[in-house]
Amino acid sequence: MTQEFSHDEEPQEDLFNFPCEFPIKAMGKTVDGFAQTILDIVLKHAPDFNAGTMEMRTSREGKYLSVTCTIRAVSRDQLDNLYRELSAHPLVVMVL
């Protein structure tokens, strides 16, 4: 049996089986409030995230800080919205 798609619709295959554990890392300059800002955004999209599991690492010279939050992702939309909001924040240099 073959699947037919209109020209507007392409088959979409998710790489993840939801729900799943998903690490998201945000990096920015080491400034007061950076980690709290990231935590606030993460909690907006993943209210069950345990802040105690947040990992922080500074760069060798201390200029940059990376914050990793492993959330319980429930949908692709959730991840996309979280990524968009983190990426758009002026304190965030990069999101992985």
N, C-alpha and C. Protein backbone atom coordinates (compact mmCIF):
# COMPACT_ATOMS: atom_id res chain seq x y z
N MET A 1 0.84 -1.17 0.00
CA MET A 1 0.00 0.00 0.00
C MET A 1 0.89 1.24 0.00
N THR A 2 0.68 2.14 -0.92
CA THR A 2 1.48 3.37 -0.98
C THR A 2 0.68 4.53 -0.46
N GLN A 3 1.40 5.49 0.07
CA GLN A 3 0.77 6.69 0.58
C GLN A 3 0.88 7.77 -0.47
N GLU A 4 -0.20 8.49 -0.68
CA GLU A 4 -0.17 9.59 -1.64
C GLU A 4 -0.19 10.91 -0.89
N PHE A 5 0.61 11.87 -1.40
CA PHE A 5 0.69 13.17 -0.78
C PHE A 5 0.41 14.23 -1.83
N SER A 6 -0.27 15.27 -1.42
CA SER A 6 -0.48 16.39 -2.34
C SER A 6 0.84 17.13 -2.48
N HIS A 7 0.91 18.04 -3.42
CA HIS A 7 2.14 18.80 -3.64
C HIS A 7 2.47 19.67 -2.44
N ASP A 8 1.49 20.07 -1.67
CA ASP A 8 1.70 20.93 -0.50
C ASP A 8 2.16 20.14 0.71
N GLU A 9 1.93 18.85 0.67
CA GLU A 9 2.17 18.02 1.85
C GLU A 9 3.29 17.04 1.56
N GLU A 10 4.26 17.00 2.46
CA GLU A 10 5.34 16.04 2.33
C GLU A 10 5.29 15.11 3.52
N PRO A 11 5.74 13.90 3.35
CA PRO A 11 5.74 12.99 4.50
C PRO A 11 6.65 13.55 5.58
N GLN A 12 6.18 13.50 6.80
CA GLN A 12 6.97 13.99 7.91
C GLN A 12 7.28 12.85 8.84
N GLU A 13 8.54 12.67 9.09
CA GLU A 13 8.96 11.60 9.97
C GLU A 13 9.66 12.22 11.14
N ASP A 14 9.20 11.96 12.34
CA ASP A 14 9.84 12.51 13.52
C ASP A 14 10.98 11.60 13.93
N LEU A 15 12.07 12.21 14.31
CA LEU A 15 13.23 11.44 14.75
C LEU A 15 13.08 10.99 16.20
N PHE A 16 12.09 11.55 16.88
CA PHE A 16 11.89 11.26 18.29
C PHE A 16 10.59 10.52 18.53
N ASN A 17 10.60 9.68 19.53
CA ASN A 17 9.37 9.05 20.00
C ASN A 17 8.99 9.79 21.28
N PHE A 18 7.92 10.54 21.20
CA PHE A 18 7.49 11.34 22.35
C PHE A 18 6.60 10.52 23.26
N PRO A 19 6.67 10.75 24.56
CA PRO A 19 7.60 11.64 25.26
C PRO A 19 9.00 11.06 25.32
N CYS A 20 9.99 11.97 25.44
CA CYS A 20 11.39 11.54 25.54
C CYS A 20 12.19 12.58 26.33
N GLU A 21 13.33 12.15 26.81
CA GLU A 21 14.25 13.06 27.49
C GLU A 21 15.03 13.79 26.40
N PHE A 22 15.07 15.12 26.48
CA PHE A 22 15.73 15.90 25.44
C PHE A 22 16.58 17.00 26.06
N PRO A 23 17.90 16.95 25.85
CA PRO A 23 18.76 18.01 26.38
C PRO A 23 18.78 19.21 25.44
N ILE A 24 18.63 20.39 25.99
CA ILE A 24 18.74 21.61 25.19
C ILE A 24 19.76 22.50 25.88
N LYS A 25 20.69 23.04 25.10
CA LYS A 25 21.78 23.83 25.66
C LYS A 25 21.70 25.24 25.09
N ALA A 26 21.77 26.22 25.99
CA ALA A 26 21.80 27.63 25.60
C ALA A 26 23.12 28.21 26.06
N MET A 27 23.74 29.01 25.20
CA MET A 27 25.01 29.63 25.54
C MET A 27 24.91 31.13 25.39
N GLY A 28 25.58 31.83 26.29
CA GLY A 28 25.61 33.28 26.24
C GLY A 28 26.76 33.80 27.05
N LYS A 29 26.93 35.12 27.04
CA LYS A 29 27.98 35.73 27.85
C LYS A 29 27.64 35.54 29.32
N THR A 30 28.68 35.43 30.13
CA THR A 30 28.50 35.26 31.56
C THR A 30 28.07 36.61 32.15
N VAL A 31 26.77 36.75 32.37
CA VAL A 31 26.21 37.97 32.97
C VAL A 31 25.23 37.55 34.06
N ASP A 32 25.04 38.45 35.01
CA ASP A 32 24.07 38.18 36.08
C ASP A 32 22.70 37.91 35.47
N GLY A 33 22.07 36.85 35.94
CA GLY A 33 20.71 36.55 35.52
C GLY A 33 20.58 35.67 34.29
N PHE A 34 21.70 35.32 33.64
CA PHE A 34 21.61 34.50 32.42
C PHE A 34 20.97 33.15 32.71
N ALA A 35 21.49 32.44 33.70
CA ALA A 35 20.96 31.11 34.01
C ALA A 35 19.50 31.18 34.43
N GLN A 36 19.13 32.17 35.21
CA GLN A 36 17.74 32.32 35.64
C GLN A 36 16.83 32.61 34.46
N THR A 37 17.30 33.41 33.52
CA THR A 37 16.52 33.72 32.32
C THR A 37 16.25 32.45 31.52
N ILE A 38 17.29 31.62 31.35
CA ILE A 38 17.14 30.36 30.62
C ILE A 38 16.16 29.46 31.36
N LEU A 39 16.31 29.36 32.67
CA LEU A 39 15.41 28.53 33.47
C LEU A 39 13.96 29.00 33.32
N ASP A 40 13.72 30.30 33.38
CA ASP A 40 12.36 30.83 33.25
C ASP A 40 11.74 30.45 31.90
N ILE A 41 12.53 30.54 30.84
CA ILE A 41 12.02 30.19 29.50
C ILE A 41 11.74 28.69 29.43
N VAL A 42 12.65 27.89 29.94
CA VAL A 42 12.46 26.42 29.92
C VAL A 42 11.20 26.04 30.68
N LEU A 43 11.02 26.62 31.86
CA LEU A 43 9.84 26.28 32.67
C LEU A 43 8.53 26.71 32.01
N LYS A 44 8.59 27.74 31.20
CA LYS A 44 7.40 28.17 30.46
C LYS A 44 6.94 27.08 29.48
N HIS A 45 7.90 26.39 28.89
CA HIS A 45 7.59 25.38 27.88
C HIS A 45 7.58 23.96 28.44
N ALA A 46 8.25 23.76 29.58
CA ALA A 46 8.31 22.43 30.21
C ALA A 46 8.15 22.63 31.71
N PRO A 47 6.91 22.88 32.16
CA PRO A 47 6.67 23.21 33.57
C PRO A 47 7.10 22.13 34.56
N ASP A 48 7.28 20.91 34.10
CA ASP A 48 7.69 19.83 35.00
C ASP A 48 9.21 19.69 35.10
N PHE A 49 9.95 20.60 34.45
CA PHE A 49 11.41 20.53 34.49
C PHE A 49 11.90 20.75 35.92
N ASN A 50 12.84 19.92 36.37
CA ASN A 50 13.42 20.01 37.70
C ASN A 50 14.65 20.91 37.63
N ALA A 51 14.54 22.13 38.16
CA ALA A 51 15.62 23.10 38.09
C ALA A 51 16.92 22.58 38.71
N GLY A 52 16.81 21.66 39.64
CA GLY A 52 17.98 21.09 40.29
C GLY A 52 18.85 20.25 39.36
N THR A 53 18.32 19.90 38.19
CA THR A 53 19.09 19.09 37.23
C THR A 53 19.78 19.95 36.18
N MET A 54 19.59 21.26 36.24
CA MET A 54 20.20 22.16 35.26
C MET A 54 21.72 22.12 35.43
N GLU A 55 22.42 22.00 34.30
CA GLU A 55 23.88 21.95 34.32
C GLU A 55 24.44 23.25 33.76
N MET A 56 25.47 23.79 34.41
CA MET A 56 26.09 25.03 33.95
C MET A 56 27.59 24.83 33.83
N ARG A 57 28.15 25.37 32.76
CA ARG A 57 29.59 25.32 32.55
C ARG A 57 30.05 26.66 32.01
N THR A 58 31.16 27.14 32.54
CA THR A 58 31.73 28.38 32.01
C THR A 58 32.85 28.02 31.03
N SER A 59 33.10 28.93 30.12
CA SER A 59 34.20 28.73 29.17
C SER A 59 35.53 28.83 29.93
N ARG A 60 36.57 28.44 29.28
CA ARG A 60 37.89 28.41 29.91
C ARG A 60 38.26 29.76 30.53
N GLU A 61 37.97 30.83 29.82
CA GLU A 61 38.32 32.16 30.32
C GLU A 61 37.18 32.81 31.10
N GLY A 62 36.06 32.11 31.22
CA GLY A 62 34.95 32.62 32.01
C GLY A 62 34.07 33.65 31.31
N LYS A 63 34.30 33.85 30.03
CA LYS A 63 33.53 34.86 29.29
C LYS A 63 32.13 34.37 28.94
N TYR A 64 31.99 33.06 28.71
CA TYR A 64 30.71 32.49 28.28
C TYR A 64 30.22 31.44 29.28
N LEU A 65 28.91 31.28 29.31
CA LEU A 65 28.27 30.30 30.17
C LEU A 65 27.34 29.45 29.32
N SER A 66 27.39 28.14 29.49
CA SER A 66 26.42 27.26 28.83
C SER A 66 25.53 26.66 29.90
N VAL A 67 24.25 26.61 29.58
CA VAL A 67 23.26 26.05 30.48
C VAL A 67 22.56 24.92 29.74
N THR A 68 22.59 23.72 30.31
CA THR A 68 21.93 22.57 29.70
C THR A 68 20.77 22.13 30.58
N CYS A 69 19.61 22.00 29.95
CA CYS A 69 18.41 21.55 30.63
C CYS A 69 17.89 20.33 29.88
N THR A 70 17.77 19.21 30.55
CA THR A 70 17.21 18.02 29.92
C THR A 70 15.76 17.94 30.35
N ILE A 71 14.89 18.19 29.36
CA ILE A 71 13.45 18.23 29.64
C ILE A 71 12.79 16.93 29.20
N ARG A 72 11.59 16.73 29.67
CA ARG A 72 10.76 15.63 29.18
C ARG A 72 9.92 16.22 28.06
N ALA A 73 10.38 16.02 26.83
CA ALA A 73 9.71 16.58 25.66
C ALA A 73 8.48 15.76 25.32
N VAL A 74 7.38 16.45 25.08
CA VAL A 74 6.13 15.75 24.78
C VAL A 74 5.68 15.93 23.34
N SER A 75 6.29 16.88 22.61
CA SER A 75 5.90 17.07 21.21
C SER A 75 6.96 17.86 20.45
N ARG A 76 6.91 17.76 19.16
CA ARG A 76 7.81 18.53 18.30
C ARG A 76 7.51 20.02 18.44
N ASP A 77 6.23 20.38 18.54
CA ASP A 77 5.85 21.79 18.71
C ASP A 77 6.46 22.36 19.97
N GLN A 78 6.43 21.61 21.05
CA GLN A 78 7.02 22.07 22.30
C GLN A 78 8.50 22.39 22.11
N LEU A 79 9.24 21.48 21.47
CA LEU A 79 10.67 21.70 21.24
C LEU A 79 10.92 22.89 20.33
N ASP A 80 10.13 22.98 19.26
CA ASP A 80 10.29 24.10 18.32
C ASP A 80 10.03 25.44 19.00
N ASN A 81 8.98 25.52 19.79
CA ASN A 81 8.64 26.77 20.48
C ASN A 81 9.70 27.14 21.51
N LEU A 82 10.21 26.17 22.24
CA LEU A 82 11.27 26.41 23.21
C LEU A 82 12.53 26.90 22.51
N TYR A 83 12.91 26.23 21.44
CA TYR A 83 14.10 26.62 20.68
C TYR A 83 13.96 28.04 20.14
N ARG A 84 12.78 28.35 19.58
CA ARG A 84 12.55 29.69 19.02
C ARG A 84 12.67 30.78 20.09
N GLU A 85 12.06 30.55 21.25
CA GLU A 85 12.09 31.57 22.29
C GLU A 85 13.51 31.75 22.85
N LEU A 86 14.22 30.65 23.05
CA LEU A 86 15.59 30.77 23.52
C LEU A 86 16.46 31.49 22.50
N SER A 87 16.34 31.12 21.24
CA SER A 87 17.15 31.72 20.18
C SER A 87 16.89 33.21 20.02
N ALA A 88 15.66 33.63 20.28
CA ALA A 88 15.28 35.03 20.08
C ALA A 88 15.71 35.93 21.25
N HIS A 89 16.08 35.34 22.37
CA HIS A 89 16.42 36.15 23.55
C HIS A 89 17.76 36.85 23.32
N PRO A 90 17.84 38.14 23.66
CA PRO A 90 19.07 38.89 23.40
C PRO A 90 20.30 38.42 24.18
N LEU A 91 20.13 37.74 25.29
CA LEU A 91 21.28 37.24 26.05
C LEU A 91 21.85 35.95 25.47
N VAL A 92 21.09 35.28 24.63
CA VAL A 92 21.49 33.97 24.11
C VAL A 92 22.25 34.14 22.80
N VAL A 93 23.43 33.53 22.78
CA VAL A 93 24.29 33.57 21.59
C VAL A 93 24.00 32.37 20.69
N MET A 94 23.76 31.20 21.30
CA MET A 94 23.56 29.97 20.53
C MET A 94 22.71 28.99 21.32
N VAL A 95 21.91 28.21 20.59
CA VAL A 95 21.12 27.15 21.21
C VAL A 95 21.40 25.86 20.45
N LEU A 96 21.67 24.81 21.19
CA LEU A 96 21.91 23.49 20.58
C LEU A 96 20.94 22.49 21.16
